[in-house]
Amino acid sequence: MLSNLSFNANKISLIKHPDYYNYSIGLTDVDDEADVWKMNAYDVVLNELQSKDLESIEPENISKEDALLVHTPKYIETVFGDTNKNRTAWAGGPWDQSAQRAVLRSSGGMIKNNEEALNRGISIQMYDAFHHAYPNKGEGFCVLNDVAIAATKYSRLGKKIMIVDTDVHQGQGTAVCTQKD
């Protein structure tokens, strides 16, 4: 798969964390081969990248301050709040502490990925982008719009930003979150 790639592994960082895909996906009574494939594909790609001896970096959770760059205060309180009391749009299964950890950590990972890419020239984030999340709500698997948050953060630091979304459908949340920038 990636064995034909040649690159300077000393320059590339691999942003990953065990929390990324360690959540209750709620598929116990659902036969969803697409989600099972996605989890297996993640492992295959991660194992291949780890064989390249890249520098692995475990990111911190995203801060409320960064999340507020594109999301409303009320929505951020829901996302960061008590998972037993608050609910968000999360099609990945129950919104519980494991899902919250995955969302907060992977969103922090997107910011770290951008920081590393700016410093090294290239970086790899081992999680999907949450391009469907709107300023005031999540949609599908997307709770926080990590792409819009990272783009806004670095744009405000004077960096030129271009988002290229290669998913097979519209990342409408990102378009809404970044429409004024």
N, C-alpha and C. Protein backbone atom coordinates (compact mmCIF):
# COMPACT_ATOMS: atom_id res chain seq x y z
N MET A 1 0.83 -1.19 0.00
CA MET A 1 0.00 0.00 0.00
C MET A 1 0.87 1.25 0.00
N LEU A 2 1.55 1.52 1.10
CA LEU A 2 2.40 2.70 1.20
C LEU A 2 3.87 2.36 1.02
N SER A 3 4.18 1.10 0.75
CA SER A 3 5.56 0.67 0.70
C SER A 3 6.35 1.31 -0.44
N ASN A 4 5.67 1.80 -1.46
CA ASN A 4 6.37 2.43 -2.58
C ASN A 4 6.65 3.90 -2.34
N LEU A 5 6.12 4.47 -1.27
CA LEU A 5 6.37 5.88 -0.97
C LEU A 5 7.78 6.06 -0.44
N SER A 6 8.42 7.10 -0.88
CA SER A 6 9.71 7.43 -0.30
C SER A 6 9.65 8.86 0.21
N PHE A 7 10.08 9.03 1.43
CA PHE A 7 10.10 10.35 2.03
C PHE A 7 11.06 10.35 3.20
N ASN A 8 11.39 11.52 3.65
CA ASN A 8 12.28 11.66 4.79
C ASN A 8 11.45 11.53 6.06
N ALA A 9 11.49 10.37 6.69
CA ALA A 9 10.67 10.10 7.86
C ALA A 9 11.02 11.02 9.03
N ASN A 10 12.22 11.57 9.05
CA ASN A 10 12.60 12.47 10.13
C ASN A 10 11.84 13.79 10.07
N LYS A 11 11.31 14.12 8.90
CA LYS A 11 10.58 15.38 8.75
C LYS A 11 9.09 15.23 9.03
N ILE A 12 8.57 14.01 9.02
CA ILE A 12 7.13 13.81 9.08
C ILE A 12 6.69 13.40 10.47
N SER A 13 5.65 14.06 10.96
CA SER A 13 5.07 13.66 12.23
C SER A 13 3.77 12.92 11.98
N LEU A 14 3.49 11.97 12.83
CA LEU A 14 2.28 11.17 12.77
C LEU A 14 1.46 11.49 14.01
N ILE A 15 0.35 12.17 13.82
CA ILE A 15 -0.50 12.59 14.94
C ILE A 15 -1.54 11.50 15.16
N LYS A 16 -1.49 10.90 16.36
CA LYS A 16 -2.42 9.80 16.65
C LYS A 16 -2.60 9.68 18.17
N HIS A 17 -3.66 8.99 18.54
CA HIS A 17 -3.91 8.75 19.96
C HIS A 17 -4.84 7.54 20.09
N PRO A 18 -4.67 6.71 21.12
CA PRO A 18 -5.57 5.57 21.31
C PRO A 18 -7.04 5.97 21.45
N ASP A 19 -7.32 7.16 21.94
CA ASP A 19 -8.70 7.62 22.09
C ASP A 19 -9.42 7.79 20.75
N TYR A 20 -8.66 7.98 19.67
CA TYR A 20 -9.27 8.30 18.39
C TYR A 20 -10.38 7.34 17.99
N TYR A 21 -10.11 6.07 18.00
CA TYR A 21 -11.12 5.10 17.58
C TYR A 21 -11.51 4.17 18.72
N ASN A 22 -11.33 4.61 19.94
CA ASN A 22 -11.67 3.81 21.10
C ASN A 22 -12.95 4.33 21.73
N TYR A 23 -14.04 4.21 20.99
CA TYR A 23 -15.32 4.67 21.51
C TYR A 23 -16.40 3.65 21.20
N SER A 24 -17.53 3.78 21.89
CA SER A 24 -18.66 2.86 21.72
C SER A 24 -19.36 3.22 20.43
N ILE A 25 -19.16 2.41 19.39
CA ILE A 25 -19.76 2.76 18.11
C ILE A 25 -21.20 2.31 17.98
N GLY A 26 -21.69 1.56 18.94
CA GLY A 26 -23.11 1.22 18.94
C GLY A 26 -23.54 0.31 17.82
N LEU A 27 -22.69 -0.61 17.40
CA LEU A 27 -23.04 -1.49 16.28
C LEU A 27 -23.38 -2.90 16.74
N THR A 28 -23.69 -3.09 18.01
CA THR A 28 -23.92 -4.44 18.51
C THR A 28 -25.09 -5.12 17.84
N ASP A 29 -26.12 -4.37 17.48
CA ASP A 29 -27.27 -4.99 16.82
C ASP A 29 -27.44 -4.50 15.39
N VAL A 30 -26.39 -3.91 14.84
CA VAL A 30 -26.43 -3.41 13.47
C VAL A 30 -25.33 -4.08 12.67
N ASP A 31 -25.67 -4.54 11.48
CA ASP A 31 -24.67 -5.16 10.61
C ASP A 31 -24.22 -4.11 9.61
N ASP A 32 -23.27 -3.30 10.00
CA ASP A 32 -22.80 -2.20 9.17
C ASP A 32 -21.37 -2.47 8.74
N GLU A 33 -21.21 -3.12 7.60
CA GLU A 33 -19.88 -3.49 7.12
C GLU A 33 -19.00 -2.28 6.82
N ALA A 34 -19.60 -1.15 6.46
CA ALA A 34 -18.81 0.05 6.15
C ALA A 34 -18.05 0.52 7.39
N ASP A 35 -18.68 0.50 8.57
CA ASP A 35 -18.00 0.93 9.78
C ASP A 35 -16.93 -0.06 10.21
N VAL A 36 -17.20 -1.35 10.05
CA VAL A 36 -16.20 -2.36 10.36
C VAL A 36 -15.00 -2.21 9.42
N TRP A 37 -15.26 -1.98 8.13
CA TRP A 37 -14.18 -1.76 7.16
C TRP A 37 -13.35 -0.55 7.56
N LYS A 38 -14.02 0.54 7.96
CA LYS A 38 -13.31 1.76 8.32
C LYS A 38 -12.35 1.51 9.48
N MET A 39 -12.80 0.79 10.50
CA MET A 39 -11.94 0.50 11.65
C MET A 39 -10.75 -0.36 11.22
N ASN A 40 -10.98 -1.36 10.37
CA ASN A 40 -9.89 -2.21 9.89
C ASN A 40 -8.93 -1.43 9.00
N ALA A 41 -9.46 -0.56 8.16
CA ALA A 41 -8.61 0.26 7.28
C ALA A 41 -7.72 1.18 8.11
N TYR A 42 -8.26 1.75 9.17
CA TYR A 42 -7.47 2.60 10.07
C TYR A 42 -6.27 1.82 10.59
N ASP A 43 -6.50 0.60 11.08
CA ASP A 43 -5.41 -0.21 11.62
C ASP A 43 -4.36 -0.53 10.56
N VAL A 44 -4.79 -0.86 9.35
CA VAL A 44 -3.86 -1.20 8.27
C VAL A 44 -2.98 0.01 7.94
N VAL A 45 -3.59 1.17 7.76
CA VAL A 45 -2.83 2.37 7.41
C VAL A 45 -1.92 2.77 8.56
N LEU A 46 -2.42 2.74 9.80
CA LEU A 46 -1.59 3.09 10.95
C LEU A 46 -0.39 2.16 11.07
N ASN A 47 -0.60 0.87 10.93
CA ASN A 47 0.52 -0.08 11.01
C ASN A 47 1.55 0.18 9.93
N GLU A 48 1.10 0.47 8.72
CA GLU A 48 2.02 0.75 7.63
C GLU A 48 2.82 2.03 7.90
N LEU A 49 2.15 3.07 8.38
CA LEU A 49 2.85 4.32 8.68
C LEU A 49 3.82 4.15 9.84
N GLN A 50 3.43 3.37 10.84
CA GLN A 50 4.33 3.15 11.97
C GLN A 50 5.57 2.37 11.54
N SER A 51 5.47 1.57 10.50
CA SER A 51 6.63 0.85 10.01
C SER A 51 7.63 1.79 9.33
N LYS A 52 7.21 3.01 9.01
CA LYS A 52 8.09 3.99 8.38
C LYS A 52 8.92 4.76 9.41
N ASP A 53 8.72 4.46 10.67
CA ASP A 53 9.48 5.09 11.74
C ASP A 53 9.31 6.62 11.75
N LEU A 54 8.07 7.06 11.61
CA LEU A 54 7.76 8.48 11.71
C LEU A 54 7.76 8.88 13.17
N GLU A 55 7.85 10.16 13.43
CA GLU A 55 7.76 10.63 14.82
C GLU A 55 6.29 10.67 15.23
N SER A 56 5.92 9.80 16.16
CA SER A 56 4.54 9.76 16.64
C SER A 56 4.33 10.80 17.73
N ILE A 57 3.25 11.54 17.59
CA ILE A 57 2.91 12.58 18.56
C ILE A 57 1.47 12.37 19.01
N GLU A 58 1.27 12.33 20.32
CA GLU A 58 -0.07 12.23 20.87
C GLU A 58 -0.54 13.63 21.25
N PRO A 59 -1.61 14.10 20.62
CA PRO A 59 -2.08 15.46 20.87
C PRO A 59 -2.86 15.58 22.18
N GLU A 60 -2.98 16.80 22.62
CA GLU A 60 -3.84 17.13 23.76
C GLU A 60 -5.27 17.27 23.27
N ASN A 61 -6.21 17.28 24.20
CA ASN A 61 -7.59 17.61 23.84
C ASN A 61 -7.66 19.03 23.33
N ILE A 62 -8.62 19.29 22.48
CA ILE A 62 -8.85 20.66 22.03
C ILE A 62 -9.31 21.49 23.23
N SER A 63 -8.94 22.73 23.25
CA SER A 63 -9.38 23.62 24.33
C SER A 63 -10.74 24.23 23.98
N LYS A 64 -11.47 24.62 25.00
CA LYS A 64 -12.73 25.33 24.75
C LYS A 64 -12.47 26.60 23.96
N GLU A 65 -11.38 27.28 24.29
CA GLU A 65 -11.03 28.53 23.60
C GLU A 65 -10.90 28.30 22.10
N ASP A 66 -10.20 27.24 21.71
CA ASP A 66 -10.06 26.96 20.28
C ASP A 66 -11.39 26.55 19.66
N ALA A 67 -12.16 25.73 20.35
CA ALA A 67 -13.45 25.30 19.82
C ALA A 67 -14.39 26.48 19.61
N LEU A 68 -14.27 27.49 20.46
CA LEU A 68 -15.11 28.69 20.34
C LEU A 68 -14.74 29.56 19.15
N LEU A 69 -13.66 29.26 18.46
CA LEU A 69 -13.31 30.03 17.27
C LEU A 69 -14.38 29.91 16.19
N VAL A 70 -15.09 28.77 16.15
CA VAL A 70 -16.13 28.60 15.13
C VAL A 70 -17.47 28.13 15.70
N HIS A 71 -17.49 27.66 16.94
CA HIS A 71 -18.73 27.12 17.50
C HIS A 71 -19.33 28.08 18.54
N THR A 72 -20.63 27.98 18.72
CA THR A 72 -21.33 28.85 19.67
C THR A 72 -21.03 28.42 21.11
N PRO A 73 -21.03 29.37 22.04
CA PRO A 73 -20.78 29.03 23.45
C PRO A 73 -21.75 27.97 23.99
N LYS A 74 -23.02 28.08 23.64
CA LYS A 74 -24.01 27.12 24.13
C LYS A 74 -23.68 25.71 23.63
N TYR A 75 -23.33 25.60 22.37
CA TYR A 75 -23.01 24.29 21.82
C TYR A 75 -21.73 23.74 22.45
N ILE A 76 -20.74 24.56 22.68
CA ILE A 76 -19.48 24.11 23.29
C ILE A 76 -19.72 23.60 24.70
N GLU A 77 -20.60 24.26 25.45
CA GLU A 77 -20.92 23.77 26.79
C GLU A 77 -21.54 22.38 26.72
N THR A 78 -22.34 22.12 25.70
CA THR A 78 -22.94 20.80 25.52
C THR A 78 -21.87 19.77 25.19
N VAL A 79 -20.99 20.09 24.27
CA VAL A 79 -19.95 19.14 23.84
C VAL A 79 -18.98 18.83 24.97
N PHE A 80 -18.57 19.84 25.71
CA PHE A 80 -17.59 19.66 26.78
C PHE A 80 -18.24 19.23 28.09
N GLY A 81 -19.56 19.29 28.16
CA GLY A 81 -20.28 19.05 29.41
C GLY A 81 -20.43 17.60 29.78
N ASP A 82 -21.25 17.37 30.79
CA ASP A 82 -21.54 16.05 31.32
C ASP A 82 -22.26 15.22 30.26
N THR A 83 -21.67 14.10 29.87
CA THR A 83 -22.26 13.28 28.81
C THR A 83 -23.54 12.59 29.26
N ASN A 84 -23.77 12.51 30.57
CA ASN A 84 -25.01 11.92 31.07
C ASN A 84 -26.18 12.90 30.96
N LYS A 85 -25.88 14.19 30.93
CA LYS A 85 -26.93 15.21 30.86
C LYS A 85 -27.09 15.78 29.45
N ASN A 86 -25.99 15.93 28.77
CA ASN A 86 -26.00 16.59 27.46
C ASN A 86 -25.93 15.59 26.33
N ARG A 87 -26.56 15.92 25.25
CA ARG A 87 -26.52 15.09 24.04
C ARG A 87 -26.10 15.96 22.87
N THR A 88 -25.30 15.39 21.99
CA THR A 88 -24.93 16.08 20.76
C THR A 88 -25.33 15.20 19.59
N ALA A 89 -25.23 15.73 18.40
CA ALA A 89 -25.49 14.92 17.20
C ALA A 89 -24.27 14.03 17.00
N TRP A 90 -24.45 12.74 17.16
CA TRP A 90 -23.34 11.80 17.04
C TRP A 90 -23.89 10.51 16.49
N ALA A 91 -23.73 10.27 15.21
CA ALA A 91 -24.27 9.08 14.57
C ALA A 91 -23.40 7.86 14.83
N GLY A 92 -22.27 8.04 15.50
CA GLY A 92 -21.35 6.94 15.73
C GLY A 92 -21.78 6.02 16.85
N GLY A 93 -22.89 6.29 17.48
CA GLY A 93 -23.34 5.49 18.60
C GLY A 93 -23.68 6.41 19.75
N PRO A 94 -23.64 5.90 20.96
CA PRO A 94 -24.03 6.73 22.11
C PRO A 94 -23.03 7.86 22.34
N TRP A 95 -23.56 9.03 22.74
CA TRP A 95 -22.67 10.13 23.15
C TRP A 95 -22.35 9.88 24.61
N ASP A 96 -21.21 9.25 24.81
CA ASP A 96 -20.76 8.92 26.15
C ASP A 96 -19.35 9.44 26.34
N GLN A 97 -18.73 9.09 27.45
CA GLN A 97 -17.38 9.62 27.73
C GLN A 97 -16.36 9.16 26.70
N SER A 98 -16.49 7.95 26.18
CA SER A 98 -15.52 7.48 25.18
C SER A 98 -15.67 8.28 23.88
N ALA A 99 -16.89 8.57 23.48
CA ALA A 99 -17.12 9.38 22.27
C ALA A 99 -16.61 10.80 22.49
N GLN A 100 -16.88 11.35 23.65
CA GLN A 100 -16.42 12.70 23.96
C GLN A 100 -14.89 12.76 23.93
N ARG A 101 -14.23 11.77 24.52
CA ARG A 101 -12.75 11.73 24.48
C ARG A 101 -12.24 11.67 23.05
N ALA A 102 -12.87 10.84 22.21
CA ALA A 102 -12.44 10.72 20.81
C ALA A 102 -12.57 12.05 20.08
N VAL A 103 -13.68 12.73 20.27
CA VAL A 103 -13.94 14.01 19.59
C VAL A 103 -12.98 15.09 20.08
N LEU A 104 -12.82 15.22 21.39
CA LEU A 104 -11.95 16.28 21.92
C LEU A 104 -10.49 16.03 21.57
N ARG A 105 -10.06 14.77 21.64
CA ARG A 105 -8.66 14.44 21.34
C ARG A 105 -8.37 14.59 19.84
N SER A 106 -9.26 14.09 18.99
CA SER A 106 -9.00 14.16 17.55
C SER A 106 -9.09 15.60 17.04
N SER A 107 -9.95 16.41 17.65
CA SER A 107 -10.01 17.83 17.26
C SER A 107 -8.73 18.54 17.69
N GLY A 108 -8.21 18.20 18.86
CA GLY A 108 -6.91 18.71 19.27
C GLY A 108 -5.82 18.22 18.33
N GLY A 109 -5.98 17.00 17.82
CA GLY A 109 -5.03 16.44 16.87
C GLY A 109 -4.98 17.20 15.56
N MET A 110 -6.13 17.70 15.12
CA MET A 110 -6.14 18.48 13.87
C MET A 110 -5.34 19.77 14.03
N ILE A 111 -5.48 20.40 15.18
CA ILE A 111 -4.70 21.62 15.44
C ILE A 111 -3.21 21.27 15.50
N LYS A 112 -2.88 20.21 16.21
CA LYS A 112 -1.47 19.78 16.31
C LYS A 112 -0.93 19.40 14.93
N ASN A 113 -1.75 18.76 14.12
CA ASN A 113 -1.34 18.38 12.77
C ASN A 113 -0.97 19.62 11.95
N ASN A 114 -1.78 20.65 12.03
CA ASN A 114 -1.48 21.88 11.30
C ASN A 114 -0.20 22.53 11.81
N GLU A 115 -0.02 22.54 13.12
CA GLU A 115 1.20 23.10 13.71
C GLU A 115 2.43 22.35 13.22
N GLU A 116 2.36 21.03 13.23
CA GLU A 116 3.47 20.21 12.78
C GLU A 116 3.73 20.40 11.29
N ALA A 117 2.68 20.47 10.50
CA ALA A 117 2.85 20.68 9.05
C ALA A 117 3.53 22.01 8.78
N LEU A 118 3.17 23.04 9.52
CA LEU A 118 3.81 24.34 9.34
C LEU A 118 5.28 24.29 9.74
N ASN A 119 5.60 23.54 10.78
CA ASN A 119 6.99 23.45 11.25
C ASN A 119 7.85 22.51 10.41
N ARG A 120 7.27 21.44 9.90
CA ARG A 120 8.05 20.39 9.24
C ARG A 120 7.82 20.31 7.73
N GLY A 121 6.72 20.89 7.27
CA GLY A 121 6.39 20.80 5.87
C GLY A 121 5.36 19.73 5.56
N ILE A 122 5.25 18.72 6.42
CA ILE A 122 4.25 17.66 6.23
C ILE A 122 3.96 17.00 7.57
N SER A 123 2.70 16.61 7.74
CA SER A 123 2.27 15.92 8.94
C SER A 123 1.05 15.08 8.58
N ILE A 124 0.85 14.00 9.30
CA ILE A 124 -0.28 13.11 9.03
C ILE A 124 -1.13 13.00 10.29
N GLN A 125 -2.41 13.31 10.16
CA GLN A 125 -3.38 13.17 11.24
C GLN A 125 -4.15 11.88 11.00
N MET A 126 -4.14 10.98 11.96
CA MET A 126 -4.79 9.67 11.80
C MET A 126 -6.23 9.67 12.28
N TYR A 127 -7.01 10.62 11.80
CA TYR A 127 -8.44 10.63 12.10
C TYR A 127 -9.15 11.38 11.00
N ASP A 128 -10.43 11.08 10.86
CA ASP A 128 -11.25 11.78 9.87
C ASP A 128 -11.40 13.24 10.23
N ALA A 129 -11.74 14.03 9.27
CA ALA A 129 -12.09 15.43 9.52
C ALA A 129 -13.59 15.51 9.76
N PHE A 130 -13.99 16.37 10.66
CA PHE A 130 -15.39 16.52 11.05
C PHE A 130 -16.06 17.63 10.25
N HIS A 131 -16.15 17.49 8.95
CA HIS A 131 -16.57 18.58 8.08
C HIS A 131 -18.07 18.83 8.02
N HIS A 132 -18.88 18.05 8.71
CA HIS A 132 -20.33 18.29 8.69
C HIS A 132 -20.81 19.12 9.88
N ALA A 133 -19.99 19.31 10.89
CA ALA A 133 -20.41 20.05 12.08
C ALA A 133 -20.59 21.54 11.77
N TYR A 134 -21.70 22.06 12.24
CA TYR A 134 -22.05 23.48 12.08
C TYR A 134 -21.63 24.26 13.33
N PRO A 135 -21.71 25.58 13.29
CA PRO A 135 -21.36 26.35 14.49
C PRO A 135 -22.18 25.98 15.73
N ASN A 136 -23.44 25.63 15.54
CA ASN A 136 -24.32 25.40 16.69
C ASN A 136 -24.81 23.96 16.84
N LYS A 137 -24.31 23.05 16.03
CA LYS A 137 -24.75 21.66 16.14
C LYS A 137 -23.82 20.74 15.36
N GLY A 138 -23.87 19.48 15.76
CA GLY A 138 -23.16 18.46 15.02
C GLY A 138 -24.09 17.79 14.04
N GLU A 139 -23.48 17.03 13.15
CA GLU A 139 -24.27 16.27 12.19
C GLU A 139 -23.49 15.02 11.82
N GLY A 140 -24.20 13.89 11.79
CA GLY A 140 -23.52 12.64 11.47
C GLY A 140 -22.48 12.32 12.52
N PHE A 141 -21.32 11.88 12.12
CA PHE A 141 -20.22 11.60 13.04
C PHE A 141 -19.50 12.87 13.47
N CYS A 142 -19.87 13.99 12.93
CA CYS A 142 -19.13 15.24 13.12
C CYS A 142 -19.71 16.04 14.27
N VAL A 143 -18.94 16.22 15.31
CA VAL A 143 -19.39 16.95 16.48
C VAL A 143 -18.76 18.34 16.50
N LEU A 144 -17.44 18.43 16.42
CA LEU A 144 -16.73 19.71 16.32
C LEU A 144 -16.12 19.78 14.92
N ASN A 145 -16.17 20.94 14.30
CA ASN A 145 -15.59 21.08 12.97
C ASN A 145 -14.10 21.39 13.12
N ASP A 146 -13.33 20.33 13.28
CA ASP A 146 -11.90 20.47 13.53
C ASP A 146 -11.16 21.16 12.40
N VAL A 147 -11.60 20.94 11.17
CA VAL A 147 -10.96 21.58 10.01
C VAL A 147 -11.15 23.09 10.08
N ALA A 148 -12.39 23.52 10.31
CA ALA A 148 -12.68 24.95 10.39
C ALA A 148 -11.99 25.59 11.58
N ILE A 149 -11.94 24.87 12.70
CA ILE A 149 -11.29 25.41 13.90
C ILE A 149 -9.80 25.64 13.62
N ALA A 150 -9.13 24.62 13.10
CA ALA A 150 -7.69 24.75 12.82
C ALA A 150 -7.43 25.83 11.77
N ALA A 151 -8.25 25.86 10.73
CA ALA A 151 -8.07 26.87 9.67
C ALA A 151 -8.26 28.28 10.24
N THR A 152 -9.27 28.46 11.06
CA THR A 152 -9.52 29.78 11.65
C THR A 152 -8.39 30.17 12.59
N LYS A 153 -7.94 29.22 13.41
CA LYS A 153 -6.85 29.50 14.35
C LYS A 153 -5.60 30.00 13.61
N TYR A 154 -5.21 29.29 12.56
CA TYR A 154 -3.99 29.66 11.86
C TYR A 154 -4.19 30.85 10.93
N SER A 155 -5.38 31.05 10.46
CA SER A 155 -5.69 32.25 9.68
C SER A 155 -5.53 33.50 10.54
N ARG A 156 -6.00 33.42 11.78
CA ARG A 156 -5.88 34.55 12.71
C ARG A 156 -4.44 34.80 13.13
N LEU A 157 -3.58 33.82 12.91
CA LEU A 157 -2.15 33.99 13.18
C LEU A 157 -1.42 34.49 11.94
N GLY A 158 -2.19 34.82 10.89
CA GLY A 158 -1.61 35.40 9.69
C GLY A 158 -1.23 34.40 8.62
N LYS A 159 -1.59 33.14 8.79
CA LYS A 159 -1.26 32.13 7.80
C LYS A 159 -2.32 32.12 6.69
N LYS A 160 -1.88 31.87 5.47
CA LYS A 160 -2.80 31.70 4.35
C LYS A 160 -3.31 30.26 4.40
N ILE A 161 -4.61 30.11 4.34
CA ILE A 161 -5.23 28.79 4.50
C ILE A 161 -6.08 28.46 3.29
N MET A 162 -5.97 27.22 2.83
CA MET A 162 -6.87 26.71 1.81
C MET A 162 -7.32 25.33 2.27
N ILE A 163 -8.62 25.11 2.31
CA ILE A 163 -9.15 23.82 2.69
C ILE A 163 -9.50 23.06 1.42
N VAL A 164 -8.94 21.89 1.27
CA VAL A 164 -9.25 21.02 0.15
C VAL A 164 -9.89 19.77 0.74
N ASP A 165 -11.18 19.65 0.57
CA ASP A 165 -11.94 18.54 1.11
C ASP A 165 -12.10 17.50 0.01
N THR A 166 -11.46 16.35 0.18
CA THR A 166 -11.49 15.32 -0.86
C THR A 166 -12.52 14.23 -0.59
N ASP A 167 -13.40 14.46 0.36
CA ASP A 167 -14.46 13.49 0.63
C ASP A 167 -15.42 13.47 -0.56
N VAL A 168 -16.21 12.44 -0.67
CA VAL A 168 -17.08 12.27 -1.83
C VAL A 168 -18.40 13.04 -1.72
N HIS A 169 -18.57 13.81 -0.66
CA HIS A 169 -19.78 14.62 -0.52
C HIS A 169 -19.42 15.95 0.13
N GLN A 170 -20.33 16.86 0.09
CA GLN A 170 -20.11 18.24 0.54
C GLN A 170 -19.82 18.31 2.04
N GLY A 171 -18.78 19.02 2.40
CA GLY A 171 -18.49 19.34 3.79
C GLY A 171 -19.16 20.65 4.14
N GLN A 172 -20.48 20.64 4.13
CA GLN A 172 -21.26 21.86 4.27
C GLN A 172 -21.02 22.57 5.59
N GLY A 173 -20.71 21.83 6.65
CA GLY A 173 -20.44 22.46 7.94
C GLY A 173 -19.21 23.36 7.86
N THR A 174 -18.18 22.90 7.19
CA THR A 174 -16.96 23.70 7.04
C THR A 174 -17.26 24.97 6.25
N ALA A 175 -18.05 24.84 5.20
CA ALA A 175 -18.42 26.02 4.39
C ALA A 175 -19.13 27.06 5.26
N VAL A 176 -20.05 26.62 6.10
CA VAL A 176 -20.80 27.54 6.96
C VAL A 176 -19.88 28.13 8.04
N CYS A 177 -19.04 27.29 8.65
CA CYS A 177 -18.16 27.75 9.74
C CYS A 177 -17.12 28.76 9.26
N THR A 178 -16.73 28.69 8.00
CA THR A 178 -15.66 29.56 7.49
C THR A 178 -16.16 30.61 6.49
N GLN A 179 -17.44 30.77 6.35
CA GLN A 179 -17.97 31.64 5.30
C GLN A 179 -17.56 33.11 5.44
N LYS A 180 -17.22 33.57 6.64
CA LYS A 180 -16.84 34.97 6.81
C LYS A 180 -15.34 35.19 6.79
N ASP A 181 -14.58 34.13 6.58
CA ASP A 181 -13.12 34.24 6.60
C ASP A 181 -12.58 33.84 5.23
